[in-house]
Protein backbone atom coordinates (compact mmCIF):
# COMPACT_ATOMS: atom_id res chain seq x y z
CA MET A 1 0.73 6.61 -19.14
CA VAL A 2 1.95 7.49 -15.67
CA ALA A 3 -0.31 9.88 -13.82
CA GLU A 4 1.05 13.36 -13.27
CA THR A 5 0.28 13.21 -9.59
CA GLU A 6 2.62 12.91 -6.67
CA LEU A 7 4.46 9.62 -6.43
CA VAL A 8 3.48 7.88 -3.18
CA TYR A 9 6.40 5.47 -3.25
CA GLU A 10 8.62 3.41 -5.45
CA THR A 11 9.68 -0.20 -4.92
CA GLU A 12 12.19 -2.37 -6.75
CA HIS A 13 9.72 -3.06 -9.59
CA LEU A 14 6.84 -0.63 -9.10
CA LYS A 15 5.74 2.99 -8.87
CA ILE A 16 2.58 3.75 -6.89
CA TYR A 17 0.54 6.90 -7.53
CA PRO A 18 -2.76 8.17 -6.17
CA TYR A 19 -5.50 7.46 -8.68
CA HIS A 20 -6.00 10.31 -11.11
CA GLN A 21 -8.58 10.63 -13.87
CA GLN A 22 -5.83 10.04 -16.45
CA ASP A 23 -5.77 6.45 -15.20
CA PHE A 24 -9.47 5.99 -15.90
CA LYS A 25 -9.12 4.19 -19.22
CA ASP A 26 -6.59 1.66 -17.90
CA LEU A 27 -8.42 1.04 -14.63
CA SER A 28 -11.76 0.70 -16.46
CA SER A 29 -10.19 -1.92 -18.68
CA LEU A 30 -8.92 -3.71 -15.58
CA LEU A 31 -12.30 -3.54 -13.78
CA SER A 32 -14.18 -4.72 -16.86
CA ASN A 33 -11.99 -7.84 -17.15
CA PRO A 34 -14.27 -10.78 -16.17
CA LEU A 35 -11.54 -12.46 -14.10
CA ILE A 36 -11.06 -9.26 -12.09
CA ASN A 37 -14.63 -8.10 -11.60
CA ASN A 38 -15.81 -11.58 -10.58
CA ALA A 39 -13.03 -11.76 -7.96
CA LEU A 40 -14.14 -8.35 -6.66
CA GLY A 41 -17.81 -9.31 -6.77
CA MET A 42 -18.68 -6.77 -9.44
CA PRO A 43 -19.63 -8.83 -12.52
CA GLU A 44 -21.91 -6.02 -13.70
CA PHE A 45 -18.76 -4.03 -14.58
CA SER A 46 -17.94 -6.42 -17.43
CA SER A 47 -20.95 -5.29 -19.44
CA ASN A 48 -21.65 -1.79 -18.17
CA PHE A 49 -18.90 0.75 -18.82
CA SER A 50 -20.99 3.58 -17.33
CA LYS A 51 -21.09 1.73 -13.96
CA VAL A 52 -17.29 1.57 -13.96
CA LYS A 53 -17.09 5.26 -14.82
CA ASN A 54 -19.59 6.20 -12.09
CA PHE A 55 -17.76 4.06 -9.51
CA LEU A 56 -14.34 5.58 -10.27
CA ASN A 57 -15.77 9.11 -10.40
CA GLN A 58 -17.52 8.57 -7.07
CA ILE A 59 -14.26 7.50 -5.45
CA TYR A 60 -12.31 10.30 -7.10
CA ARG A 61 -14.76 13.00 -6.00
CA GLN A 62 -15.92 11.47 -2.72
CA LYS A 63 -16.85 13.78 0.12
CA ASN A 64 -17.79 12.07 3.35
CA ASN A 65 -16.94 12.89 6.96
CA ASN A 66 -17.25 9.28 8.12
CA TYR A 67 -14.99 7.53 5.63
CA ARG A 68 -12.42 8.19 2.94
CA TRP A 69 -11.66 6.21 -0.20
CA LEU A 70 -7.97 5.96 -1.12
CA LEU A 71 -7.34 4.54 -4.58
CA TYR A 72 -3.89 3.94 -6.03
CA SER A 73 -2.60 3.08 -9.48
CA ILE A 74 0.23 0.57 -9.73
CA TYR A 75 2.73 1.04 -12.55
CA GLN A 76 5.55 -1.24 -13.57
CA LYS A 77 8.76 0.72 -13.16
CA ASN A 78 10.64 -0.56 -16.21
CA ASP A 79 8.04 0.48 -18.81
CA ASN A 80 5.65 2.85 -16.95
CA ARG A 81 2.71 0.56 -17.76
CA LEU A 82 -0.31 0.46 -15.44
CA ILE A 83 -0.58 -3.13 -14.20
CA GLY A 84 -3.13 -2.79 -11.42
CA GLY A 85 -4.74 -0.83 -8.66
CA CYS A 86 -5.40 -1.05 -4.97
CA GLY A 87 -7.12 0.96 -2.35
CA PHE A 88 -8.70 1.37 1.02
CA LYS A 89 -12.02 2.48 2.36
CA VAL A 90 -10.97 4.10 5.64
CA ASP A 91 -13.59 4.35 8.39
CA LEU A 92 -12.63 7.61 10.12
CA ILE A 93 -14.93 6.93 13.10
CA ASP A 94 -13.69 3.46 14.08
CA ASN A 95 -10.13 3.82 12.67
CA ILE A 96 -10.32 0.68 10.56
CA ALA A 97 -9.98 0.21 6.82
CA GLU A 98 -11.06 -2.28 4.19
CA ILE A 99 -8.46 -3.11 1.56
CA PHE A 100 -9.04 -4.13 -2.05
CA PHE A 101 -6.58 -4.87 -4.84
CA MET A 102 -6.43 -6.01 -8.45
CA LEU A 103 -3.82 -6.80 -11.10
CA TYR A 104 -4.09 -7.66 -14.76
CA PRO A 105 -4.11 -11.50 -14.95
CA GLU A 106 -0.81 -11.58 -16.88
CA GLU A 107 0.86 -10.04 -13.79
CA TRP A 108 -0.50 -12.61 -11.31
CA GLY A 109 1.97 -14.76 -9.42
CA LYS A 110 4.91 -12.34 -9.72
CA GLY A 111 4.72 -10.90 -6.20
CA PHE A 112 3.78 -7.41 -7.40
CA MET A 113 0.71 -7.01 -5.21
CA THR A 114 2.54 -7.85 -2.00
CA GLU A 115 5.36 -5.53 -3.10
CA ALA A 116 2.85 -2.73 -3.69
CA LEU A 117 0.72 -3.19 -0.58
CA TYR A 118 3.29 -3.71 2.15
CA PRO A 119 4.64 -0.13 2.18
CA LEU A 120 1.19 1.32 1.42
CA LEU A 121 -0.27 -0.41 4.49
CA ASN A 122 2.44 1.22 6.58
CA ILE A 123 1.71 4.65 5.10
CA ILE A 124 -2.04 4.55 5.71
CA HIS A 125 -1.63 3.02 9.17
CA HIS A 126 0.46 5.99 10.27
CA SER A 127 -1.63 8.56 8.40
CA PHE A 128 -4.90 7.47 10.02
CA SER A 129 -3.76 5.75 13.26
CA LEU A 130 -5.64 2.64 12.18
CA LYS A 131 -6.42 -0.17 14.62
CA GLU A 132 -6.93 -2.78 11.89
CA VAL A 133 -7.31 -3.40 8.18
CA GLN A 134 -9.87 -5.87 6.88
CA ALA A 135 -9.92 -7.84 3.64
CA LEU A 136 -13.14 -9.43 2.37
CA ILE A 137 -12.27 -12.28 0.02
CA PHE A 138 -14.44 -14.79 -1.82
CA GLN A 139 -13.73 -18.34 -0.66
CA ASP A 140 -12.35 -19.51 -4.00
CA ASN A 141 -9.96 -16.58 -4.49
CA ILE A 142 -6.79 -18.43 -3.49
CA ARG A 143 -4.44 -15.77 -4.89
CA ALA A 144 -5.99 -12.98 -2.80
CA LYS A 145 -5.75 -15.15 0.30
CA ARG A 146 -2.04 -15.71 -0.37
CA VAL A 147 -1.48 -11.97 -0.71
CA VAL A 148 -3.14 -11.10 2.60
CA GLU A 149 -1.42 -13.99 4.39
CA LYS A 150 1.97 -12.72 3.19
CA LEU A 151 1.04 -9.27 4.51
CA GLY A 152 0.27 -10.68 7.98
CA PHE A 153 -3.53 -10.85 7.87
CA THR A 154 -5.25 -13.67 9.75
CA TYR A 155 -8.49 -15.39 8.87
CA CYS A 156 -11.39 -14.29 11.08
CA GLN A 157 -14.67 -15.75 9.78
CA THR A 158 -16.78 -16.68 6.76
CA ALA A 159 -20.16 -15.08 6.26
CA ALA A 160 -22.77 -16.58 3.96
CA TYR A 161 -24.35 -13.23 3.19
CA ASN A 162 -22.28 -10.52 1.58
CA GLU A 163 -23.75 -7.24 2.86
CA ARG A 164 -21.90 -5.05 0.35
CA LEU A 165 -23.26 -7.04 -2.61
CA LYS A 166 -26.64 -7.77 -0.98
CA ARG A 167 -26.29 -11.40 -2.10
CA ASN A 168 -25.80 -14.84 -0.57
CA ILE A 169 -22.19 -15.32 -1.56
CA PRO A 170 -19.79 -16.71 1.06
CA VAL A 171 -17.02 -14.24 1.78
CA GLN A 172 -14.09 -14.61 4.16
CA LYS A 173 -13.04 -11.83 6.48
CA TRP A 174 -9.30 -11.46 7.07
CA ILE A 175 -7.87 -8.99 9.59
CA LEU A 176 -4.52 -7.29 10.04
CA LYS A 177 -4.25 -5.93 13.59
CA LEU A 178 -2.18 -2.77 13.83
CA LYS A 179 -0.59 -1.26 16.91
């Protein structure tokens, strides 16, 4: 079901909307998929529905002067089916953002994520005057690396300790410099 919120943009194959609570069921299903939550470093979501709900509610209702979460639902245009989500955690102090994205596995390899993110990157860059966007990607997530490479990100470094997860899991930092 397409959210009854303002359409952010439409591409050849997709419609992108700001996340709305109507999307909760579909996005929870996506986040609880083991292939997705392991790629995002959130395996606890596969067995704990309340953690997914709390996470999405926190983003939806967030109030913070230092950063802003922007979460978007990605719908396939031809059948109005939610196929994924993406978002940004925008640091309002340093004018940088961290990007994250996810698609149902049956939609992988079709170019949808690049199609969704390219115009969205442009929108948030101009809305927040961002200097750069960062992507933190697990070393073995080849598909995510391909997406960010196609969007113009460059590899920066690999860290053995993932601060967000508080675990020793190597994660690569990719950066898109903006003007």
